[in-house]
Amino acid sequence: MDLTETQIGSEPIFNGTFVTIACDTVRLPNGNNSKRIVIRHPGAACVLAETPDNKIVFVRQWRYATGQALLELPAGKLDAGEDPATCALRELAEETPYAAEKVELAATFYTAPGFCDEKMYLYRAFNISKSSKLHPDQDEFVETVLLDRQEVLAAIRNNEIQDAKTLIGLQHWLLAEAV
């Protein structure tokens, strides 16, 4: 069965600094037309960084849309033309006191494919040290939190981690640890 929806028109709703919103008209597989609201996003990278003493590096930051501070893996949007690995290294160093020698891609996924095209690149950091010279952006307020395996498991069980990219990153880490 062909499930393809073909765009036949698009009306801009909002053009922001890093997202755009449009109302697209699409032709459905059965030949009928329908409307789709879509948010276009440049993509983002997140990084799973483990300290030499086996603790995962998190940031706690206020998320206005949820009305609360969330515990998350360091992450950020891609700059125009930026390599996702470079973004992951930069975000770790900007948001925490840690820097990594290198990162390796662990997974890619869409954050909210029902209405947004944001693609997230999950990286695993290697050889991290508390050596970052970078600082968060002027409008970014973050607190670094370190959790060991048992604390991570407890935080998941207690619903203290509600961010999807973080849950996906921790799934990769926990499954790798279990093997």
N, C-alpha and C. Protein backbone atom coordinates (compact mmCIF):
# COMPACT_ATOMS: atom_id res chain seq x y z
N MET A 1 0.84 -1.18 0.00
CA MET A 1 0.00 0.00 0.00
C MET A 1 0.88 1.24 0.00
N ASP A 2 0.58 2.16 -0.88
CA ASP A 2 1.31 3.42 -0.94
C ASP A 2 0.72 4.37 0.09
N LEU A 3 1.52 4.79 1.06
CA LEU A 3 1.07 5.67 2.13
C LEU A 3 1.48 7.13 1.93
N THR A 4 2.09 7.43 0.79
CA THR A 4 2.65 8.75 0.54
C THR A 4 1.58 9.83 0.48
N GLU A 5 1.84 10.93 1.19
CA GLU A 5 1.03 12.14 1.08
C GLU A 5 1.87 13.15 0.31
N THR A 6 1.32 13.71 -0.75
CA THR A 6 2.05 14.61 -1.63
C THR A 6 1.62 16.05 -1.39
N GLN A 7 2.60 16.91 -1.14
CA GLN A 7 2.29 18.33 -0.93
C GLN A 7 1.85 18.95 -2.24
N ILE A 8 0.71 19.66 -2.20
CA ILE A 8 0.24 20.36 -3.39
C ILE A 8 0.13 21.86 -3.15
N GLY A 9 0.38 22.28 -1.92
CA GLY A 9 0.37 23.71 -1.61
C GLY A 9 0.86 23.93 -0.19
N SER A 10 1.28 25.18 0.07
CA SER A 10 1.77 25.50 1.40
C SER A 10 1.54 26.97 1.68
N GLU A 11 0.99 27.27 2.87
CA GLU A 11 0.78 28.64 3.30
C GLU A 11 1.58 28.88 4.56
N PRO A 12 2.52 29.85 4.53
CA PRO A 12 3.29 30.14 5.74
C PRO A 12 2.39 30.70 6.85
N ILE A 13 2.64 30.27 8.06
CA ILE A 13 1.92 30.78 9.23
C ILE A 13 2.86 31.63 10.08
N PHE A 14 4.11 31.15 10.23
CA PHE A 14 5.08 31.83 11.09
C PHE A 14 6.48 31.52 10.59
N ASN A 15 7.32 32.56 10.50
CA ASN A 15 8.72 32.39 10.17
C ASN A 15 9.53 32.94 11.33
N GLY A 16 10.10 32.06 12.15
CA GLY A 16 10.87 32.48 13.31
C GLY A 16 12.36 32.40 13.06
N THR A 17 13.11 32.60 14.13
CA THR A 17 14.56 32.59 14.01
C THR A 17 15.10 31.19 13.74
N PHE A 18 14.42 30.14 14.24
CA PHE A 18 14.90 28.80 13.92
C PHE A 18 13.80 27.79 13.62
N VAL A 19 12.54 28.17 13.71
CA VAL A 19 11.47 27.29 13.24
C VAL A 19 10.54 28.07 12.33
N THR A 20 9.93 27.34 11.42
CA THR A 20 8.86 27.90 10.60
C THR A 20 7.65 26.99 10.75
N ILE A 21 6.48 27.60 10.62
CA ILE A 21 5.24 26.84 10.70
C ILE A 21 4.44 27.13 9.44
N ALA A 22 3.92 26.05 8.85
CA ALA A 22 3.13 26.20 7.63
C ALA A 22 1.88 25.33 7.70
N CYS A 23 0.90 25.72 6.93
CA CYS A 23 -0.29 24.89 6.72
C CYS A 23 -0.18 24.37 5.29
N ASP A 24 0.12 23.08 5.18
CA ASP A 24 0.29 22.46 3.86
C ASP A 24 -1.00 21.77 3.43
N THR A 25 -1.27 21.85 2.15
CA THR A 25 -2.34 21.05 1.55
C THR A 25 -1.67 19.84 0.92
N VAL A 26 -2.20 18.66 1.23
CA VAL A 26 -1.60 17.42 0.73
C VAL A 26 -2.65 16.58 0.02
N ARG A 27 -2.16 15.80 -0.94
CA ARG A 27 -3.02 14.81 -1.59
C ARG A 27 -2.77 13.49 -0.87
N LEU A 28 -3.84 12.90 -0.37
CA LEU A 28 -3.77 11.63 0.36
C LEU A 28 -3.68 10.45 -0.60
N PRO A 29 -3.28 9.29 -0.11
CA PRO A 29 -3.17 8.11 -0.98
C PRO A 29 -4.48 7.75 -1.70
N ASN A 30 -5.62 8.12 -1.12
CA ASN A 30 -6.90 7.81 -1.77
C ASN A 30 -7.34 8.88 -2.77
N GLY A 31 -6.51 9.92 -2.98
CA GLY A 31 -6.81 10.97 -3.94
C GLY A 31 -7.47 12.20 -3.33
N ASN A 32 -7.95 12.12 -2.10
CA ASN A 32 -8.55 13.28 -1.44
C ASN A 32 -7.47 14.24 -0.97
N ASN A 33 -7.89 15.48 -0.73
CA ASN A 33 -6.98 16.49 -0.19
C ASN A 33 -7.24 16.68 1.29
N SER A 34 -6.18 17.09 2.01
CA SER A 34 -6.29 17.37 3.43
C SER A 34 -5.28 18.45 3.81
N LYS A 35 -5.36 18.95 5.02
CA LYS A 35 -4.45 19.97 5.53
C LYS A 35 -3.53 19.35 6.58
N ARG A 36 -2.29 19.82 6.61
CA ARG A 36 -1.31 19.41 7.61
C ARG A 36 -0.60 20.65 8.12
N ILE A 37 -0.61 20.84 9.44
CA ILE A 37 0.20 21.89 10.06
C ILE A 37 1.55 21.26 10.34
N VAL A 38 2.61 21.91 9.88
CA VAL A 38 3.95 21.33 10.04
C VAL A 38 4.93 22.39 10.55
N ILE A 39 5.73 21.98 11.53
CA ILE A 39 6.80 22.82 12.05
C ILE A 39 8.10 22.33 11.44
N ARG A 40 8.82 23.22 10.78
CA ARG A 40 10.13 22.90 10.19
C ARG A 40 11.21 23.35 11.17
N HIS A 41 12.14 22.44 11.47
CA HIS A 41 13.18 22.68 12.48
C HIS A 41 14.52 22.26 11.87
N PRO A 42 15.62 22.96 12.17
CA PRO A 42 16.91 22.62 11.56
C PRO A 42 17.56 21.33 12.07
N GLY A 43 16.98 20.72 13.09
CA GLY A 43 17.58 19.52 13.67
C GLY A 43 18.37 19.88 14.91
N ALA A 44 18.73 18.84 15.67
CA ALA A 44 19.43 19.06 16.93
C ALA A 44 20.31 17.86 17.24
N ALA A 45 21.22 18.06 18.19
CA ALA A 45 22.08 16.98 18.65
C ALA A 45 22.04 16.93 20.17
N CYS A 46 22.10 15.72 20.71
CA CYS A 46 22.20 15.55 22.16
C CYS A 46 23.37 14.61 22.42
N VAL A 47 23.87 14.68 23.65
CA VAL A 47 25.08 13.91 23.94
C VAL A 47 24.96 13.19 25.28
N LEU A 48 25.27 11.90 25.22
CA LEU A 48 25.32 11.04 26.40
C LEU A 48 26.78 10.98 26.83
N ALA A 49 27.08 11.63 27.94
CA ALA A 49 28.47 11.72 28.42
C ALA A 49 28.56 11.04 29.79
N GLU A 50 29.52 10.14 29.91
CA GLU A 50 29.73 9.40 31.15
C GLU A 50 31.09 9.79 31.73
N THR A 51 31.09 10.20 32.98
CA THR A 51 32.33 10.61 33.65
C THR A 51 33.21 9.40 33.91
N PRO A 52 34.50 9.60 34.21
CA PRO A 52 35.37 8.47 34.53
C PRO A 52 34.89 7.64 35.72
N ASP A 53 34.09 8.26 36.61
CA ASP A 53 33.56 7.49 37.74
C ASP A 53 32.12 7.00 37.47
N ASN A 54 31.80 6.82 36.19
CA ASN A 54 30.56 6.18 35.74
C ASN A 54 29.27 6.92 36.10
N LYS A 55 29.31 8.23 36.00
CA LYS A 55 28.10 9.03 36.19
C LYS A 55 27.74 9.70 34.88
N ILE A 56 26.44 9.78 34.62
CA ILE A 56 25.96 10.44 33.41
C ILE A 56 25.80 11.93 33.70
N VAL A 57 26.20 12.75 32.73
CA VAL A 57 26.11 14.20 32.84
C VAL A 57 24.75 14.67 32.31
N PHE A 58 24.01 15.32 33.19
CA PHE A 58 22.70 15.88 32.85
C PHE A 58 22.74 17.39 33.05
N VAL A 59 21.75 18.04 32.47
CA VAL A 59 21.49 19.44 32.80
C VAL A 59 20.04 19.53 33.26
N ARG A 60 19.84 20.38 34.25
CA ARG A 60 18.47 20.70 34.66
C ARG A 60 18.23 22.13 34.18
N GLN A 61 17.13 22.30 33.43
CA GLN A 61 16.82 23.63 32.93
C GLN A 61 15.32 23.83 32.85
N TRP A 62 14.93 25.07 32.97
CA TRP A 62 13.52 25.42 32.89
C TRP A 62 13.05 25.29 31.46
N ARG A 63 11.94 24.60 31.29
CA ARG A 63 11.31 24.46 29.97
C ARG A 63 9.97 25.15 30.03
N TYR A 64 9.92 26.33 29.45
CA TYR A 64 8.75 27.19 29.54
C TYR A 64 7.48 26.47 29.08
N ALA A 65 7.56 25.73 27.98
CA ALA A 65 6.38 25.07 27.43
C ALA A 65 5.77 24.07 28.40
N THR A 66 6.58 23.46 29.26
CA THR A 66 6.07 22.49 30.22
C THR A 66 5.80 23.09 31.59
N GLY A 67 6.28 24.30 31.82
CA GLY A 67 6.08 24.95 33.10
C GLY A 67 6.87 24.34 34.23
N GLN A 68 8.02 23.74 33.90
CA GLN A 68 8.84 23.11 34.94
C GLN A 68 10.29 22.95 34.47
N ALA A 69 11.14 22.70 35.44
CA ALA A 69 12.54 22.38 35.13
C ALA A 69 12.62 20.89 34.82
N LEU A 70 13.31 20.54 33.75
CA LEU A 70 13.47 19.14 33.35
C LEU A 70 14.92 18.72 33.46
N LEU A 71 15.11 17.45 33.76
CA LEU A 71 16.43 16.83 33.80
C LEU A 71 16.67 16.21 32.44
N GLU A 72 17.72 16.67 31.73
CA GLU A 72 17.93 16.28 30.34
C GLU A 72 19.40 16.02 30.05
N LEU A 73 19.65 15.31 28.97
CA LEU A 73 20.99 15.23 28.42
C LEU A 73 21.30 16.58 27.77
N PRO A 74 22.55 17.01 27.78
CA PRO A 74 22.90 18.26 27.09
C PRO A 74 22.53 18.14 25.60
N ALA A 75 21.96 19.21 25.06
CA ALA A 75 21.51 19.18 23.67
C ALA A 75 21.30 20.59 23.16
N GLY A 76 21.21 20.70 21.84
CA GLY A 76 20.91 21.99 21.24
C GLY A 76 20.70 21.87 19.75
N LYS A 77 20.13 22.93 19.19
CA LYS A 77 19.82 22.92 17.75
C LYS A 77 21.09 23.09 16.92
N LEU A 78 21.01 22.55 15.72
CA LEU A 78 22.11 22.67 14.77
C LEU A 78 22.12 24.08 14.18
N ASP A 79 23.30 24.67 14.10
CA ASP A 79 23.44 25.92 13.36
C ASP A 79 23.42 25.58 11.86
N ALA A 80 23.15 26.55 11.03
CA ALA A 80 23.07 26.32 9.58
C ALA A 80 24.34 25.64 9.08
N GLY A 81 24.20 24.48 8.44
CA GLY A 81 25.33 23.75 7.86
C GLY A 81 26.21 23.04 8.87
N GLU A 82 25.86 23.09 10.15
CA GLU A 82 26.72 22.50 11.18
C GLU A 82 26.63 20.97 11.19
N ASP A 83 27.78 20.34 11.35
CA ASP A 83 27.83 18.89 11.51
C ASP A 83 27.23 18.54 12.86
N PRO A 84 26.32 17.56 12.95
CA PRO A 84 25.72 17.21 14.23
C PRO A 84 26.73 16.81 15.31
N ALA A 85 27.84 16.17 14.93
CA ALA A 85 28.86 15.78 15.91
C ALA A 85 29.50 17.02 16.53
N THR A 86 29.75 18.03 15.71
CA THR A 86 30.30 19.29 16.20
C THR A 86 29.32 19.95 17.16
N CYS A 87 28.05 19.90 16.83
CA CYS A 87 27.02 20.47 17.69
C CYS A 87 27.00 19.74 19.04
N ALA A 88 27.07 18.42 19.03
CA ALA A 88 27.05 17.65 20.27
C ALA A 88 28.24 18.02 21.16
N LEU A 89 29.42 18.10 20.59
CA LEU A 89 30.61 18.50 21.36
C LEU A 89 30.44 19.90 21.94
N ARG A 90 29.93 20.82 21.12
CA ARG A 90 29.74 22.21 21.55
C ARG A 90 28.72 22.30 22.67
N GLU A 91 27.60 21.61 22.54
CA GLU A 91 26.55 21.70 23.55
C GLU A 91 27.01 21.12 24.89
N LEU A 92 27.75 20.02 24.87
CA LEU A 92 28.28 19.46 26.12
C LEU A 92 29.16 20.50 26.80
N ALA A 93 30.04 21.13 26.04
CA ALA A 93 31.00 22.09 26.59
C ALA A 93 30.34 23.41 27.00
N GLU A 94 29.28 23.82 26.30
CA GLU A 94 28.59 25.06 26.65
C GLU A 94 27.71 24.90 27.89
N GLU A 95 27.02 23.78 27.97
CA GLU A 95 26.01 23.61 29.01
C GLU A 95 26.54 23.02 30.31
N THR A 96 27.74 22.42 30.27
CA THR A 96 28.30 21.76 31.45
C THR A 96 29.78 22.13 31.56
N PRO A 97 30.41 21.78 32.66
CA PRO A 97 31.86 22.01 32.76
C PRO A 97 32.68 20.94 32.04
N TYR A 98 32.02 20.04 31.32
CA TYR A 98 32.70 18.90 30.70
C TYR A 98 32.93 19.11 29.20
N ALA A 99 34.01 18.50 28.73
CA ALA A 99 34.33 18.47 27.30
C ALA A 99 34.70 17.03 26.96
N ALA A 100 34.53 16.66 25.70
CA ALA A 100 34.84 15.31 25.25
C ALA A 100 35.89 15.35 24.15
N GLU A 101 36.72 14.32 24.09
CA GLU A 101 37.71 14.21 23.00
C GLU A 101 37.02 13.91 21.69
N LYS A 102 35.98 13.05 21.74
CA LYS A 102 35.26 12.70 20.52
C LYS A 102 33.87 12.21 20.88
N VAL A 103 33.01 12.15 19.87
CA VAL A 103 31.68 11.59 20.01
C VAL A 103 31.44 10.62 18.86
N GLU A 104 30.57 9.64 19.12
CA GLU A 104 30.16 8.69 18.08
C GLU A 104 28.65 8.65 18.03
N LEU A 105 28.12 8.61 16.82
CA LEU A 105 26.67 8.59 16.64
C LEU A 105 26.10 7.27 17.17
N ALA A 106 25.10 7.38 18.04
CA ALA A 106 24.44 6.20 18.60
C ALA A 106 23.09 5.95 17.94
N ALA A 107 22.37 7.02 17.59
CA ALA A 107 21.04 6.87 16.99
C ALA A 107 20.57 8.20 16.43
N THR A 108 19.61 8.13 15.54
CA THR A 108 18.89 9.32 15.08
C THR A 108 17.41 9.01 15.21
N PHE A 109 16.62 10.04 15.48
CA PHE A 109 15.18 9.84 15.62
C PHE A 109 14.48 11.18 15.44
N TYR A 110 13.19 11.11 15.14
CA TYR A 110 12.37 12.30 15.03
C TYR A 110 11.70 12.56 16.37
N THR A 111 11.71 13.81 16.81
CA THR A 111 11.21 14.13 18.15
C THR A 111 9.68 14.15 18.23
N ALA A 112 9.01 14.60 17.19
CA ALA A 112 7.54 14.70 17.20
C ALA A 112 7.04 14.62 15.76
N PRO A 113 7.14 13.44 15.11
CA PRO A 113 6.88 13.33 13.68
C PRO A 113 5.44 13.58 13.25
N GLY A 114 4.52 13.68 14.18
CA GLY A 114 3.14 13.97 13.81
C GLY A 114 2.95 15.39 13.33
N PHE A 115 3.87 16.31 13.70
CA PHE A 115 3.71 17.70 13.30
C PHE A 115 5.02 18.45 13.10
N CYS A 116 6.16 17.79 13.32
CA CYS A 116 7.45 18.49 13.25
C CYS A 116 8.49 17.60 12.58
N ASP A 117 9.37 18.22 11.78
CA ASP A 117 10.41 17.45 11.08
C ASP A 117 11.75 17.45 11.81
N GLU A 118 11.79 17.89 13.10
CA GLU A 118 13.05 17.93 13.84
C GLU A 118 13.65 16.53 13.94
N LYS A 119 14.89 16.41 13.46
CA LYS A 119 15.63 15.16 13.57
C LYS A 119 16.70 15.35 14.64
N MET A 120 16.73 14.42 15.59
CA MET A 120 17.68 14.48 16.71
C MET A 120 18.78 13.46 16.45
N TYR A 121 20.01 13.90 16.68
CA TYR A 121 21.19 13.05 16.56
C TYR A 121 21.70 12.79 17.97
N LEU A 122 21.68 11.53 18.39
CA LEU A 122 22.15 11.15 19.72
C LEU A 122 23.58 10.65 19.60
N TYR A 123 24.48 11.30 20.35
CA TYR A 123 25.90 10.93 20.34
C TYR A 123 26.32 10.41 21.70
N ARG A 124 27.27 9.51 21.68
CA ARG A 124 27.93 9.02 22.89
C ARG A 124 29.30 9.71 22.94
N ALA A 125 29.60 10.35 24.07
CA ALA A 125 30.86 11.07 24.23
C ALA A 125 31.92 10.13 24.81
N PHE A 126 33.17 10.36 24.42
CA PHE A 126 34.28 9.55 24.91
C PHE A 126 35.37 10.45 25.47
N ASN A 127 36.03 9.93 26.51
CA ASN A 127 37.14 10.63 27.16
C ASN A 127 36.74 12.03 27.61
N ILE A 128 35.72 12.08 28.45
CA ILE A 128 35.29 13.39 28.92
C ILE A 128 36.10 13.80 30.15
N SER A 129 36.26 15.09 30.27
CA SER A 129 36.98 15.65 31.42
C SER A 129 36.33 16.98 31.78
N LYS A 130 36.55 17.39 33.00
CA LYS A 130 35.99 18.65 33.49
C LYS A 130 36.93 19.77 33.05
N SER A 131 36.90 20.08 31.75
CA SER A 131 37.87 21.02 31.18
C SER A 131 37.27 22.05 30.22
N SER A 132 35.95 22.17 30.21
CA SER A 132 35.33 23.09 29.27
C SER A 132 35.65 24.54 29.60
N LYS A 133 35.90 25.31 28.58
CA LYS A 133 36.13 26.75 28.71
C LYS A 133 34.92 27.55 28.17
N LEU A 134 33.90 26.84 27.69
CA LEU A 134 32.73 27.50 27.11
C LEU A 134 31.69 27.77 28.19
N HIS A 135 30.70 28.58 27.85
CA HIS A 135 29.64 28.95 28.79
C HIS A 135 28.30 28.86 28.08
N PRO A 136 27.21 28.68 28.84
CA PRO A 136 25.88 28.67 28.23
C PRO A 136 25.60 29.98 27.51
N ASP A 137 24.66 29.91 26.55
CA ASP A 137 24.21 31.13 25.87
C ASP A 137 23.63 32.09 26.91
N GLN A 138 23.55 33.37 26.55
CA GLN A 138 23.09 34.41 27.48
C GLN A 138 21.69 34.15 28.03
N ASP A 139 20.84 33.52 27.22
CA ASP A 139 19.46 33.27 27.66
C ASP A 139 19.26 31.84 28.17
N GLU A 140 20.35 31.16 28.49
CA GLU A 140 20.30 29.76 28.91
C GLU A 140 20.79 29.64 30.35
N PHE A 141 19.95 29.07 31.20
CA PHE A 141 20.29 28.89 32.59
C PHE A 141 20.18 27.40 32.91
N VAL A 142 21.32 26.78 33.19
CA VAL A 142 21.35 25.33 33.38
C VAL A 142 22.15 24.98 34.63
N GLU A 143 21.77 23.86 35.21
CA GLU A 143 22.47 23.31 36.37
C GLU A 143 22.97 21.92 35.97
N THR A 144 24.24 21.64 36.20
CA THR A 144 24.79 20.32 35.89
C THR A 144 24.44 19.35 37.02
N VAL A 145 23.98 18.17 36.63
CA VAL A 145 23.63 17.11 37.58
C VAL A 145 24.31 15.83 37.12
N LEU A 146 24.96 15.13 38.04
CA LEU A 146 25.60 13.85 37.75
C LEU A 146 24.85 12.74 38.48
N LEU A 147 24.50 11.68 37.75
CA LEU A 147 23.79 10.54 38.36
C LEU A 147 24.48 9.24 37.97
N ASP A 148 24.63 8.34 38.95
CA ASP A 148 25.18 7.01 38.66
C ASP A 148 24.04 6.09 38.18
N ARG A 149 24.37 4.88 37.84
CA ARG A 149 23.39 3.94 37.28
C ARG A 149 22.16 3.77 38.17
N GLN A 150 22.36 3.56 39.46
CA GLN A 150 21.23 3.35 40.37
C GLN A 150 20.38 4.62 40.48
N GLU A 151 21.03 5.77 40.50
CA GLU A 151 20.29 7.04 40.57
C GLU A 151 19.52 7.29 39.28
N VAL A 152 20.09 6.92 38.14
CA VAL A 152 19.39 7.04 36.86
C VAL A 152 18.15 6.15 36.86
N LEU A 153 18.32 4.91 37.27
CA LEU A 153 17.18 3.98 37.30
C LEU A 153 16.08 4.50 38.23
N ALA A 154 16.47 5.01 39.39
CA ALA A 154 15.49 5.56 40.34
C ALA A 154 14.79 6.77 39.74
N ALA A 155 15.53 7.64 39.07
CA ALA A 155 14.94 8.84 38.46
C ALA A 155 13.94 8.47 37.36
N ILE A 156 14.24 7.42 36.60
CA ILE A 156 13.30 6.95 35.57
C ILE A 156 12.05 6.38 36.24
N ARG A 157 12.25 5.51 37.24
CA ARG A 157 11.11 4.90 37.95
C ARG A 157 10.22 5.96 38.60
N ASN A 158 10.82 7.01 39.14
CA ASN A 158 10.07 8.06 39.84
C ASN A 158 9.55 9.16 38.91
N ASN A 159 9.69 8.96 37.60
CA ASN A 159 9.22 9.92 36.60
C ASN A 159 9.88 11.28 36.75
N GLU A 160 11.13 11.29 37.22
CA GLU A 160 11.89 12.53 37.34
C GLU A 160 12.55 12.90 36.01
N ILE A 161 12.61 11.94 35.09
CA ILE A 161 13.14 12.20 33.74
C ILE A 161 11.97 12.00 32.79
N GLN A 162 11.53 13.11 32.17
CA GLN A 162 10.35 13.08 31.31
C GLN A 162 10.66 13.50 29.88
N ASP A 163 11.92 13.82 29.61
CA ASP A 163 12.33 14.30 28.30
C ASP A 163 12.63 13.11 27.38
N ALA A 164 12.02 13.09 26.21
CA ALA A 164 12.13 11.94 25.30
C ALA A 164 13.56 11.67 24.85
N LYS A 165 14.30 12.71 24.45
CA LYS A 165 15.67 12.47 23.97
C LYS A 165 16.52 11.87 25.07
N THR A 166 16.28 12.30 26.31
CA THR A 166 17.04 11.78 27.44
C THR A 166 16.67 10.33 27.70
N LEU A 167 15.40 10.00 27.66
CA LEU A 167 14.97 8.62 27.86
C LEU A 167 15.54 7.70 26.77
N ILE A 168 15.57 8.19 25.54
CA ILE A 168 16.14 7.38 24.44
C ILE A 168 17.64 7.21 24.66
N GLY A 169 18.34 8.27 25.02
CA GLY A 169 19.78 8.18 25.28
C GLY A 169 20.08 7.21 26.42
N LEU A 170 19.31 7.30 27.48
CA LEU A 170 19.53 6.41 28.63
C LEU A 170 19.21 4.96 28.28
N GLN A 171 18.23 4.76 27.42
CA GLN A 171 17.93 3.40 26.96
C GLN A 171 19.15 2.80 26.27
N HIS A 172 19.80 3.57 25.41
CA HIS A 172 21.01 3.09 24.74
C HIS A 172 22.10 2.77 25.76
N TRP A 173 22.27 3.64 26.73
CA TRP A 173 23.30 3.44 27.75
C TRP A 173 23.01 2.22 28.61
N LEU A 174 21.77 2.12 29.08
CA LEU A 174 21.41 1.00 29.95
C LEU A 174 21.49 -0.34 29.23
N LEU A 175 21.07 -0.37 27.96
CA LEU A 175 21.15 -1.62 27.20
C LEU A 175 22.60 -2.00 26.92
N ALA A 176 23.45 -1.02 26.65
CA ALA A 176 24.87 -1.30 26.42
C ALA A 176 25.53 -1.82 27.70
N GLU A 177 25.09 -1.27 28.83
CA GLU A 177 25.64 -1.70 30.13
C GLU A 177 25.19 -3.11 30.48
N ALA A 178 24.00 -3.51 29.99
CA ALA A 178 23.44 -4.82 30.33
C ALA A 178 24.07 -5.94 29.54
N VAL A 179 24.71 -5.63 28.43
CA VAL A 179 25.29 -6.65 27.55
C VAL A 179 26.62 -7.14 28.10
